[in-house]
Amino acid sequence: MSMLAVAQDEFDAVRIASTDITGSARYVGMSGAFGALGGDVSAIKDNPAALGVFRTSEASMTMEFNTALTNSVWNGIYTPDNNFKSPFTQATYVANFTREGKTKGLVSHSFSFQYDRLKTFNRRVSINSGATSASLTDFMATYANFNKTPATDFEYTDAGYNPYDYQAWLPTMGYQGYLINPATNDSWVSILGKDEKVTPSYSAYESGSINNFSLSWGGNFGNRIYIGAGFNMLTMTYSLQSVYQENFGAGGGFSLDNSFWTSGAGWNFTAGIIARPINMLRLGFAVQTPTIFSLTDTYDAALKYDSYNIQDSTAVRGSTAPGSYGYSYYRMYSPLKLNAGLALVFGKIGLLSFEYNYANYRNMTLSDRSGNTANFSVENNSIRTTLRDQHTVKVGAEVKPTSNWSIRAGAAYQTPVTKTEAAKLLGNMWSNSMVTDMSYWKERGTAYASCGFGYRETWWYVDFAYQYRLGLHDFYAFDSSSLLYAVTPATVRTQNHNVVVTLGLKF
């Protein structure tokens, strides 16, 4: 087992810090536009003042049926893929305490114990390209040149020297897999011939989730002001199994298999207020402190090669791997988040709600477990210079054709976090990094559209919702800014079709 530098980057930070619009079927049906409304179990995680709106105790649970469809276009080649999951996404118990006959001061207050799945990592993606001049073998050679690594440092010795304990894994694999050759003592070149093209492909399977366990309180003051606060504990698991392949134009090729896991836990606080200045108007505001995550990354990799060495005209075939896995411990401070909302309530007929969310991604920070950021200065600088703050707008509506039935609809849009200049730069990689998957994704925004309906009786209710989520990304197999040939990005569309069902009891 190795414990080398991992060099977590801005792309890893965004994956952990970002969440989806998920929750109860009523919440999802209105695209999460509940910041000024309250009264729904999933509104509590956005604005704990939502608890102050509750008039009875309540228990609920939610299931989600998620189908993720992806399609990619890379150098003119179209490839589709799909995956399906049905996770249990929400469970809440609200204990309400109403002071009978009280109309001023603290009229009522509620506590909630809640579980929410904030994000589900659920995707299979296949990306195939036409022939191109850009090869990962050029990146391997440039990486070795960047570190000025002599060939002897890439070799095992009888004295027990293991290069994977001291050298960057990717160029070490390139050397042991006959994909790079020494041009001089400390200078390296790709095994490929001049103007030789390659046909690359990439496939990946992502799984895992971000889960939130919270204890919150909310109070109702004079039926006009509602305030709340909450403490949240988060758990996070993420798994990525990927394969990058190249077939060489002159014959041969290689396959690089990567396994990557992240796990850990974090905590944050939330506080909020909802005001009802007149009967039809609701105003809401809430803040969530940065989440402090303690995380562990684990890497494993294997290279299978079938190469032709142009220097000595020999064919080689085999495989190479670190023979163990490497891990890294670190801490991450996720963005400060704010939300503001406005809602119009038209008596018992229906309502219209608007919400704006802000997340300060540029202030995310990586550190070691003691909070020292000294060894993460390059990564933290990349976060500040290559990420944008995120803005989310939501709108939702509900109409009640009868006292029991409700019909809902909503839409939302999240701006992209990554700037156009964001990249997994070779210059930012540690000289002994375990990272061998050089791919990265640039966001191009996420859009949501939803609808739903619900039926309510005095002591129980059931809600249904459908949500369509569209995410656009540019996929880069590796950064080519320091190479002779440029990498053309693939365009990837991820479409999520979610069916959500919530059952609740009031008492």
Protein backbone atom coordinates (compact mmCIF):
# COMPACT_ATOMS: atom_id res chain seq x y z
CA MET A 1 0.00 0.00 0.00
CA SER A 2 1.34 3.42 -0.99
CA MET A 3 0.66 6.77 0.58
CA LEU A 4 1.91 9.20 -2.05
CA ALA A 5 0.67 12.58 -3.19
CA VAL A 6 -2.77 12.49 -4.78
CA ALA A 7 -3.24 16.11 -5.86
CA GLN A 8 -6.97 16.45 -5.48
CA ASP A 9 -8.11 19.16 -7.83
CA GLU A 10 -10.99 21.52 -8.49
CA PHE A 11 -12.91 18.81 -10.38
CA ASP A 12 -12.85 16.51 -7.35
CA ALA A 13 -13.97 19.38 -5.10
CA VAL A 14 -16.92 20.28 -7.36
CA ARG A 15 -18.09 16.66 -7.50
CA ILE A 16 -18.21 16.45 -3.70
CA ALA A 17 -19.66 19.91 -3.02
CA SER A 18 -22.42 19.97 -5.64
CA THR A 19 -25.88 18.57 -4.89
CA ASP A 20 -29.02 17.92 -6.93
CA ILE A 21 -32.62 19.06 -6.50
CA THR A 22 -33.94 16.05 -4.60
CA GLY A 23 -36.47 15.44 -1.85
CA SER A 24 -40.15 14.74 -1.30
CA ALA A 25 -42.44 14.38 -4.30
CA ARG A 26 -44.14 17.72 -3.56
CA TYR A 27 -40.73 19.45 -3.31
CA VAL A 28 -39.45 17.82 -6.52
CA GLY A 29 -42.71 18.52 -8.37
CA MET A 30 -42.15 22.25 -7.78
CA SER A 31 -38.39 22.02 -8.58
CA GLY A 32 -37.45 22.78 -4.97
CA ALA A 33 -38.85 26.33 -4.93
CA PHE A 34 -39.76 26.19 -1.23
CA GLY A 35 -37.37 28.67 0.40
CA ALA A 36 -40.18 31.10 1.28
CA LEU A 37 -42.97 28.56 1.75
CA GLY A 38 -41.96 25.97 4.32
CA GLY A 39 -44.43 23.39 5.49
CA ASP A 40 -42.80 20.58 3.46
CA VAL A 41 -40.34 18.07 4.92
CA SER A 42 -37.72 18.65 2.21
CA ALA A 43 -37.91 22.44 2.55
CA ILE A 44 -36.29 22.03 5.99
CA LYS A 45 -32.86 21.17 4.52
CA ASP A 46 -32.87 24.43 2.53
CA ASN A 47 -34.41 26.69 5.16
CA PRO A 48 -35.04 25.29 8.67
CA ALA A 49 -37.58 28.09 9.24
CA ALA A 50 -39.84 25.81 7.18
CA LEU A 51 -40.39 23.89 10.42
CA GLY A 52 -42.12 26.88 11.96
CA VAL A 53 -44.91 26.58 9.38
CA PHE A 54 -45.89 23.06 10.50
CA ARG A 55 -49.13 22.88 12.52
CA THR A 56 -49.11 19.13 13.24
CA SER A 57 -46.60 16.37 13.81
CA GLU A 58 -45.70 14.40 10.72
CA ALA A 59 -43.76 11.38 9.44
CA SER A 60 -42.92 10.70 5.82
CA MET A 61 -40.75 8.62 3.51
CA THR A 62 -39.79 8.94 -0.16
CA MET A 63 -38.64 6.57 -2.88
CA GLU A 64 -37.07 7.64 -6.18
CA PHE A 65 -36.81 5.63 -9.40
CA ASN A 66 -33.93 7.06 -11.42
CA THR A 67 -32.94 6.31 -15.01
CA ALA A 68 -29.75 7.99 -16.25
CA LEU A 69 -29.26 8.15 -20.03
CA THR A 70 -25.99 9.43 -21.47
CA ASN A 71 -24.88 10.04 -25.02
CA SER A 72 -21.56 11.33 -26.25
CA VAL A 73 -20.08 12.69 -29.46
CA TRP A 74 -16.26 12.56 -29.78
CA ASN A 75 -14.55 13.38 -33.05
CA GLY A 76 -17.75 12.56 -34.93
CA ILE A 77 -18.56 9.26 -33.17
CA TYR A 78 -21.91 9.02 -31.33
CA THR A 79 -22.23 6.60 -28.37
CA PRO A 80 -25.24 6.08 -26.00
CA ASP A 81 -25.36 4.41 -22.57
CA ASN A 82 -27.79 4.09 -19.62
CA ASN A 83 -28.22 3.02 -15.99
CA PHE A 84 -31.10 2.57 -13.50
CA LYS A 85 -31.40 2.88 -9.70
CA SER A 86 -34.24 3.06 -7.20
CA PRO A 87 -32.88 4.48 -3.94
CA PHE A 88 -34.71 5.34 -0.73
CA THR A 89 -34.12 9.11 -0.68
CA GLN A 90 -35.89 10.73 2.28
CA ALA A 91 -37.36 10.01 5.71
CA THR A 92 -38.49 12.61 8.24
CA TYR A 93 -40.17 12.82 11.61
CA VAL A 94 -41.52 16.21 12.70
CA ALA A 95 -42.62 16.70 16.31
CA ASN A 96 -44.90 19.73 16.60
CA PHE A 97 -45.76 21.54 19.83
CA THR A 98 -48.61 24.05 19.52
CA ARG A 99 -49.57 26.39 22.35
CA GLU A 100 -53.38 26.32 22.18
CA GLY A 101 -55.05 29.73 22.08
CA LYS A 102 -51.72 31.55 21.70
CA THR A 103 -51.69 34.23 18.99
CA LYS A 104 -48.67 36.32 20.01
CA GLY A 105 -45.09 35.43 20.80
CA LEU A 106 -44.12 31.81 20.26
CA VAL A 107 -47.33 30.29 18.91
CA SER A 108 -45.83 26.88 18.09
CA HIS A 109 -42.51 25.19 17.43
CA SER A 110 -41.29 21.92 15.92
CA PHE A 111 -38.29 19.62 15.96
CA SER A 112 -37.35 17.37 13.05
CA PHE A 113 -35.12 14.32 12.67
CA GLN A 114 -34.40 13.85 9.01
CA TYR A 115 -32.56 11.82 6.40
CA ASP A 116 -32.09 13.20 2.89
CA ARG A 117 -30.14 11.79 -0.03
CA LEU A 118 -28.69 15.00 -1.46
CA LYS A 119 -27.05 13.39 -4.47
CA THR A 120 -26.96 10.02 -6.19
CA PHE A 121 -23.94 9.17 -8.30
CA ASN A 122 -25.56 7.00 -10.90
CA ARG A 123 -24.15 6.98 -14.41
CA ARG A 124 -22.65 4.78 -17.07
CA VAL A 125 -20.90 6.60 -19.86
CA SER A 126 -19.25 5.33 -23.05
CA ILE A 127 -17.24 7.68 -25.24
CA ASN A 128 -15.68 6.57 -28.54
CA SER A 129 -13.59 8.68 -30.87
CA GLY A 130 -12.49 8.66 -34.46
CA ALA A 131 -8.77 8.71 -35.31
CA THR A 132 -6.76 11.57 -33.74
CA SER A 133 -3.12 12.61 -33.37
CA ALA A 134 -3.43 13.26 -29.61
CA SER A 135 -2.22 10.30 -27.51
CA LEU A 136 -1.88 9.73 -23.79
CA THR A 137 1.59 8.32 -24.53
CA ASP A 138 2.68 11.90 -25.35
CA PHE A 139 1.31 13.00 -21.98
CA MET A 140 3.23 10.17 -20.25
CA ALA A 141 6.48 11.21 -21.93
CA THR A 142 5.97 14.87 -21.09
CA TYR A 143 5.18 13.91 -17.48
CA ALA A 144 8.49 12.01 -17.26
CA ASN A 145 10.30 14.97 -18.84
CA PHE A 146 8.62 17.36 -16.41
CA ASN A 147 9.98 15.32 -13.48
CA LYS A 148 13.38 14.73 -15.20
CA THR A 149 13.10 11.05 -14.25
CA PRO A 150 15.95 8.71 -15.29
CA ALA A 151 15.00 5.24 -16.50
CA THR A 152 16.56 3.58 -13.45
CA ASP A 153 14.03 5.29 -11.19
CA PHE A 154 11.20 3.52 -13.05
CA GLU A 155 12.62 0.03 -12.43
CA TYR A 156 12.32 -2.44 -9.57
CA THR A 157 15.57 -3.44 -7.87
CA ASP A 158 16.75 -6.51 -5.97
CA ALA A 159 17.21 -4.25 -2.95
CA GLY A 160 13.44 -3.92 -2.66
CA TYR A 161 13.01 -0.58 -4.43
CA ASN A 162 9.44 -0.21 -5.74
CA PRO A 163 9.10 2.72 -8.17
CA TYR A 164 5.40 3.07 -7.35
CA ASP A 165 6.35 4.07 -3.81
CA TYR A 166 8.41 7.03 -5.03
CA GLN A 167 7.54 7.97 -8.62
CA ALA A 168 4.38 9.21 -10.30
CA TRP A 169 2.35 6.18 -11.29
CA LEU A 170 1.38 7.24 -14.82
CA PRO A 171 4.86 7.72 -16.36
CA THR A 172 6.08 4.66 -14.42
CA MET A 173 3.38 2.61 -16.12
CA GLY A 174 4.24 4.21 -19.45
CA TYR A 175 7.86 3.07 -19.08
CA GLN A 176 7.04 -0.43 -17.86
CA GLY A 177 4.40 -0.82 -20.56
CA TYR A 178 6.84 0.13 -23.37
CA LEU A 179 4.76 3.20 -24.24
CA ILE A 180 7.54 5.76 -23.76
CA ASN A 181 11.22 5.56 -24.71
CA PRO A 182 14.26 7.44 -23.39
CA ALA A 183 15.54 9.92 -26.00
CA THR A 184 18.50 10.84 -23.80
CA ASN A 185 19.36 10.04 -20.19
CA ASP A 186 16.55 12.13 -18.67
CA SER A 187 14.47 12.88 -21.76
CA TRP A 188 11.49 10.86 -22.98
CA VAL A 189 9.40 10.47 -26.13
CA SER A 190 6.27 8.52 -27.07
CA ILE A 191 6.61 5.10 -28.67
CA LEU A 192 4.41 6.27 -31.56
CA GLY A 193 5.87 6.97 -34.96
CA LYS A 194 5.82 10.40 -36.57
CA ASP A 195 2.27 11.40 -37.60
CA GLU A 196 0.91 8.08 -36.32
CA LYS A 197 -2.73 8.37 -35.25
CA VAL A 198 -4.59 6.59 -32.50
CA THR A 199 -8.25 5.70 -31.93
CA PRO A 200 -9.16 6.34 -28.27
CA SER A 201 -12.19 5.36 -26.19
CA TYR A 202 -13.31 5.88 -22.60
CA SER A 203 -15.93 4.09 -20.50
CA ALA A 204 -16.87 4.66 -16.87
CA TYR A 205 -19.33 3.62 -14.20
CA GLU A 206 -20.07 5.97 -11.29
CA SER A 207 -21.95 5.04 -8.11
CA GLY A 208 -22.38 6.26 -4.54
CA SER A 209 -24.26 9.03 -2.78
CA ILE A 210 -24.15 12.06 -0.49
CA ASN A 211 -26.48 11.62 2.50
CA ASN A 212 -27.61 14.19 5.07
CA PHE A 213 -28.77 13.42 8.63
CA SER A 214 -30.13 16.48 10.40
CA LEU A 215 -31.63 17.72 13.64
CA SER A 216 -33.54 20.98 13.22
CA TRP A 217 -35.80 23.34 15.16
CA GLY A 218 -38.27 25.93 13.89
CA GLY A 219 -40.58 28.36 15.65
CA ASN A 220 -43.72 30.31 14.72
CA PHE A 221 -43.90 33.83 16.19
CA GLY A 222 -47.32 35.44 15.94
CA ASN A 223 -48.11 33.61 12.67
CA ARG A 224 -45.99 36.26 10.91
CA ILE A 225 -42.35 35.37 11.54
CA TYR A 226 -40.87 31.88 11.36
CA ILE A 227 -37.26 31.17 12.30
CA GLY A 228 -35.23 27.98 12.38
CA ALA A 229 -31.81 26.41 12.79
CA GLY A 230 -30.35 23.01 12.04
CA PHE A 231 -27.28 20.85 12.51
CA ASN A 232 -26.40 18.50 9.65
CA MET A 233 -24.15 15.44 9.49
CA LEU A 234 -23.24 14.27 5.99
CA THR A 235 -21.79 11.01 4.72
CA MET A 236 -20.28 10.60 1.30
CA THR A 237 -19.30 7.60 -0.83
CA TYR A 238 -18.19 7.73 -4.45
CA SER A 239 -16.85 5.05 -6.77
CA LEU A 240 -15.49 5.43 -10.30
CA GLN A 241 -14.45 2.47 -12.43
CA SER A 242 -13.04 3.64 -15.76
CA VAL A 243 -11.18 2.27 -18.77
CA TYR A 244 -9.23 4.42 -21.24
CA GLN A 245 -8.00 2.68 -24.39
CA GLU A 246 -5.98 3.57 -27.46
CA ASN A 247 -5.57 1.51 -30.62
CA PHE A 248 -2.45 2.58 -32.52
CA GLY A 249 -2.61 3.25 -36.22
CA ALA A 250 0.47 1.09 -36.89
CA GLY A 251 -0.86 -1.75 -34.72
CA GLY A 252 -1.00 -2.47 -31.01
CA GLY A 253 -2.33 -0.29 -28.26
CA PHE A 254 -3.04 -0.22 -24.55
CA SER A 255 -5.84 -0.22 -21.98
CA LEU A 256 -5.60 1.75 -18.72
CA ASP A 257 -8.01 0.57 -16.00
CA ASN A 258 -8.60 2.93 -13.09
CA SER A 259 -10.48 2.43 -9.84
CA PHE A 260 -11.12 5.40 -7.58
CA TRP A 261 -13.04 5.60 -4.31
CA THR A 262 -13.83 8.53 -2.03
CA SER A 263 -15.48 8.18 1.37
CA GLY A 264 -15.89 10.39 4.39
CA ALA A 265 -18.15 12.54 6.53
CA GLY A 266 -18.80 16.20 7.21
CA TRP A 267 -20.98 18.64 9.10
CA ASN A 268 -22.53 22.10 8.76
CA PHE A 269 -25.12 24.42 10.27
CA THR A 270 -28.16 26.05 8.68
CA ALA A 271 -30.30 28.97 9.82
CA GLY A 272 -33.19 30.80 8.20
CA ILE A 273 -36.22 33.01 8.44
CA ILE A 274 -39.59 33.21 6.69
CA ALA A 275 -41.73 36.35 6.97
CA ARG A 276 -45.43 36.79 6.16
CA PRO A 277 -45.92 40.60 6.05
CA ILE A 278 -49.37 40.19 4.46
CA ASN A 279 -51.49 37.09 4.07
CA MET A 280 -50.64 36.38 0.44
CA LEU A 281 -46.90 37.18 0.55
CA ARG A 282 -44.05 35.04 1.90
CA LEU A 283 -40.38 36.07 2.02
CA GLY A 284 -37.59 33.68 2.93
CA PHE A 285 -33.86 33.77 3.53
CA ALA A 286 -31.42 31.08 4.73
CA VAL A 287 -27.70 30.44 5.07
CA GLN A 288 -25.72 27.21 5.19
CA THR A 289 -22.19 27.30 6.58
CA PRO A 290 -19.40 25.59 4.62
CA THR A 291 -19.43 21.84 5.15
CA ILE A 292 -16.23 20.54 6.73
CA PHE A 293 -15.52 17.15 5.15
CA SER A 294 -12.90 14.65 6.31
CA LEU A 295 -12.25 12.41 3.31
CA THR A 296 -10.19 9.46 2.15
CA ASP A 297 -9.30 8.80 -1.49
CA THR A 298 -8.16 5.38 -2.66
CA TYR A 299 -6.62 4.60 -6.06
CA ASP A 300 -5.88 1.44 -7.97
CA ALA A 301 -4.73 1.09 -11.58
CA ALA A 302 -3.59 -1.46 -14.14
CA LEU A 303 -2.14 -1.06 -17.64
CA LYS A 304 -2.42 -3.73 -20.33
CA TYR A 305 -0.22 -3.10 -23.33
CA ASP A 306 0.39 -4.49 -26.81
CA SER A 307 3.09 -2.23 -28.24
CA TYR A 308 5.61 -2.11 -31.05
CA ASN A 309 8.91 -0.49 -30.12
CA ILE A 310 10.01 1.52 -33.16
CA GLN A 311 13.54 1.97 -31.77
CA ASP A 312 14.55 -1.68 -31.76
CA SER A 313 11.71 -3.16 -33.88
CA THR A 314 10.37 -5.46 -31.17
CA ALA A 315 6.79 -6.29 -30.28
CA VAL A 316 5.89 -6.41 -26.57
CA ARG A 317 2.73 -7.52 -24.82
CA GLY A 318 1.84 -7.73 -21.14
CA SER A 319 0.47 -5.83 -18.17
CA THR A 320 1.72 -3.63 -15.39
CA ALA A 321 0.17 -2.45 -12.13
CA PRO A 322 1.32 -0.91 -8.86
CA GLY A 323 0.64 -4.30 -7.26
CA SER A 324 -1.18 -2.56 -4.42
CA TYR A 325 -3.29 0.53 -3.96
CA GLY A 326 -2.63 4.02 -2.70
CA TYR A 327 -4.64 6.26 -0.45
CA SER A 328 -4.75 9.83 0.81
CA TYR A 329 -6.44 11.59 3.73
CA TYR A 330 -7.51 15.22 3.49
CA ARG A 331 -10.08 17.79 4.53
CA MET A 332 -12.34 19.87 2.31
CA TYR A 333 -14.35 22.99 3.12
CA SER A 334 -17.32 23.18 0.75
CA PRO A 335 -18.98 26.46 -0.35
CA LEU A 336 -21.01 28.83 1.79
CA LYS A 337 -24.58 28.67 0.48
CA LEU A 338 -27.34 31.28 0.59
CA ASN A 339 -30.91 31.17 -0.63
CA ALA A 340 -33.63 33.78 -0.91
CA GLY A 341 -37.26 33.20 -1.87
CA LEU A 342 -40.54 34.92 -2.57
CA ALA A 343 -43.93 33.22 -2.73
CA LEU A 344 -47.49 34.31 -3.45
CA VAL A 345 -50.24 32.28 -1.80
CA PHE A 346 -53.71 32.63 -3.29
CA GLY A 347 -55.79 31.39 -0.38
CA LYS A 348 -56.78 27.75 -0.82
CA ILE A 349 -56.61 27.97 -4.62
CA GLY A 350 -52.86 27.65 -5.12
CA LEU A 351 -49.48 29.34 -4.94
CA LEU A 352 -46.54 30.59 -7.01
CA SER A 353 -43.00 30.48 -5.65
CA PHE A 354 -39.58 31.79 -6.74
CA GLU A 355 -36.16 31.02 -5.24
CA TYR A 356 -32.55 32.02 -5.83
CA ASN A 357 -29.57 30.04 -4.51
CA TYR A 358 -25.95 31.18 -4.35
CA ALA A 359 -22.93 28.93 -3.67
CA ASN A 360 -19.46 30.40 -3.19
CA TYR A 361 -17.40 27.71 -4.96
CA ARG A 362 -14.35 29.93 -5.35
CA ASN A 363 -13.88 29.87 -1.57
CA MET A 364 -13.64 26.10 -1.28
CA THR A 365 -10.44 24.99 0.43
CA LEU A 366 -8.45 21.76 0.66
CA SER A 367 -6.17 20.99 3.60
CA ASP A 368 -4.65 18.11 5.51
CA ARG A 369 -6.56 16.54 8.40
CA SER A 370 -5.11 19.11 10.85
CA GLY A 371 -6.36 22.03 8.74
CA ASN A 372 -2.95 22.98 7.30
CA THR A 373 -3.30 24.22 3.71
CA ALA A 374 0.44 24.56 2.96
CA ASN A 375 0.65 21.36 0.91
CA PHE A 376 -2.47 22.26 -1.08
CA SER A 377 -1.48 25.73 -2.27
CA VAL A 378 -1.50 24.74 -5.97
CA GLU A 379 -4.90 23.04 -5.71
CA ASN A 380 -6.46 25.90 -3.74
CA ASN A 381 -5.12 28.44 -6.21
CA SER A 382 -6.69 26.44 -9.06
CA ILE A 383 -10.03 26.45 -7.22
CA ARG A 384 -9.94 30.24 -6.93
CA THR A 385 -8.87 30.90 -10.51
CA THR A 386 -10.73 28.22 -12.52
CA LEU A 387 -14.10 27.95 -10.72
CA ARG A 388 -17.12 30.23 -10.74
CA ASP A 389 -19.66 30.79 -8.01
CA GLN A 390 -22.88 28.96 -8.81
CA HIS A 391 -26.30 30.59 -9.22
CA THR A 392 -29.52 28.56 -9.17
CA VAL A 393 -32.96 29.90 -10.01
CA LYS A 394 -36.13 27.95 -9.25
CA VAL A 395 -39.81 28.54 -9.95
CA GLY A 396 -42.69 26.37 -8.81
CA ALA A 397 -46.48 26.46 -8.81
CA GLU A 398 -49.26 24.51 -7.16
CA VAL A 399 -52.98 24.54 -7.99
CA LYS A 400 -55.70 22.92 -5.87
CA PRO A 401 -58.71 22.02 -8.05
CA THR A 402 -60.36 20.48 -4.96
CA SER A 403 -59.61 20.50 -1.24
CA ASN A 404 -57.97 17.07 -1.54
CA TRP A 405 -56.11 17.20 -4.86
CA SER A 406 -53.09 19.30 -5.87
CA ILE A 407 -51.36 19.70 -9.23
CA ARG A 408 -47.77 21.00 -9.38
CA ALA A 409 -45.10 22.06 -11.85
CA GLY A 410 -41.67 23.67 -11.70
CA ALA A 411 -38.40 24.47 -13.45
CA ALA A 412 -34.85 25.29 -12.36
CA TYR A 413 -31.45 26.10 -13.82
CA GLN A 414 -27.98 25.83 -12.28
CA THR A 415 -25.11 27.78 -13.84
CA PRO A 416 -21.83 25.94 -14.58
CA VAL A 417 -19.11 26.06 -11.94
CA THR A 418 -16.04 25.35 -14.08
CA LYS A 419 -14.56 28.12 -16.22
CA THR A 420 -13.42 27.49 -19.80
CA GLU A 421 -9.75 27.58 -18.73
CA ALA A 422 -10.20 24.84 -16.10
CA ALA A 423 -8.01 21.80 -16.81
CA LYS A 424 -6.17 18.99 -15.06
CA LEU A 425 -2.82 20.63 -15.81
CA LEU A 426 0.37 18.61 -15.89
CA GLY A 427 2.13 21.50 -14.17
CA ASN A 428 -0.19 21.07 -11.18
CA MET A 429 0.49 17.35 -10.79
CA TRP A 430 2.75 16.20 -7.98
CA SER A 431 6.00 14.53 -9.04
CA ASN A 432 4.95 11.38 -7.12
CA SER A 433 1.20 11.46 -7.77
CA MET A 434 -0.87 8.27 -7.72
CA VAL A 435 -3.39 9.74 -10.19
CA THR A 436 -3.46 7.83 -13.49
CA ASP A 437 -6.91 8.85 -14.77
CA MET A 438 -6.16 12.19 -16.42
CA SER A 439 -9.71 12.76 -17.67
CA TYR A 440 -11.85 15.67 -16.47
CA TRP A 441 -15.25 17.20 -17.12
CA LYS A 442 -16.19 20.83 -17.71
CA GLU A 443 -19.75 21.76 -16.82
CA ARG A 444 -22.03 23.62 -19.21
CA GLY A 445 -25.03 24.05 -16.90
CA THR A 446 -27.89 21.91 -15.59
CA ALA A 447 -31.61 22.36 -16.28
CA TYR A 448 -34.60 20.84 -14.49
CA ALA A 449 -38.29 20.52 -15.41
CA SER A 450 -40.84 18.80 -13.19
CA CYS A 451 -44.51 18.14 -12.56
CA GLY A 452 -46.58 16.19 -10.08
CA PHE A 453 -49.79 15.74 -8.16
CA GLY A 454 -50.89 14.78 -4.68
CA TYR A 455 -53.88 13.64 -2.64
CA ARG A 456 -54.40 14.65 1.01
CA GLU A 457 -56.72 13.59 3.77
CA THR A 458 -56.72 14.89 7.34
CA TRP A 459 -54.26 12.31 8.65
CA TRP A 460 -52.37 11.09 5.59
CA TYR A 461 -51.20 12.09 2.13
CA VAL A 462 -49.50 10.67 -0.95
CA ASP A 463 -47.59 12.65 -3.59
CA PHE A 464 -46.13 11.77 -6.98
CA ALA A 465 -43.65 13.70 -9.13
CA TYR A 466 -41.70 13.37 -12.35
CA GLN A 467 -38.42 15.24 -12.83
CA TYR A 468 -36.34 15.66 -15.98
CA ARG A 469 -32.74 16.72 -15.44
CA LEU A 470 -30.36 17.62 -18.27
CA GLY A 471 -26.65 18.11 -17.64
CA LEU A 472 -24.17 19.10 -20.36
CA HIS A 473 -20.43 18.52 -20.08
CA ASP A 474 -17.28 18.71 -22.19
CA PHE A 475 -15.13 15.63 -21.58
CA TYR A 476 -11.33 15.79 -21.94
CA ALA A 477 -9.33 12.54 -21.86
CA PHE A 478 -6.28 14.54 -20.73
CA ASP A 479 -4.92 18.07 -20.89
CA SER A 480 -2.96 18.82 -24.07
CA SER A 481 -1.80 22.37 -23.34
CA SER A 482 1.83 21.18 -22.98
CA LEU A 483 1.68 18.73 -25.91
CA LEU A 484 2.19 19.03 -29.66
CA TYR A 485 -1.31 17.80 -30.58
CA ALA A 486 -4.51 19.23 -29.07
CA VAL A 487 -7.20 17.03 -27.51
CA THR A 488 -10.64 17.55 -28.97
CA PRO A 489 -13.26 17.37 -26.18
CA ALA A 490 -16.26 15.07 -26.34
CA THR A 491 -19.72 16.53 -25.77
CA VAL A 492 -21.66 14.48 -23.21
CA ARG A 493 -25.38 14.85 -22.42
CA THR A 494 -26.69 13.21 -19.24
CA GLN A 495 -30.46 12.96 -18.98
CA ASN A 496 -32.03 11.82 -15.72
CA HIS A 497 -35.66 10.71 -15.61
CA ASN A 498 -36.81 10.52 -11.98
CA VAL A 499 -40.13 9.29 -10.65
CA VAL A 500 -40.64 10.21 -6.99
CA VAL A 501 -43.27 8.88 -4.55
CA THR A 502 -43.86 10.18 -1.01
CA LEU A 503 -46.16 8.76 1.65
CA GLY A 504 -46.84 10.82 4.78
CA LEU A 505 -48.81 10.61 8.03
CA LYS A 506 -50.03 13.54 10.16
CA PHE A 507 -50.90 13.22 13.83
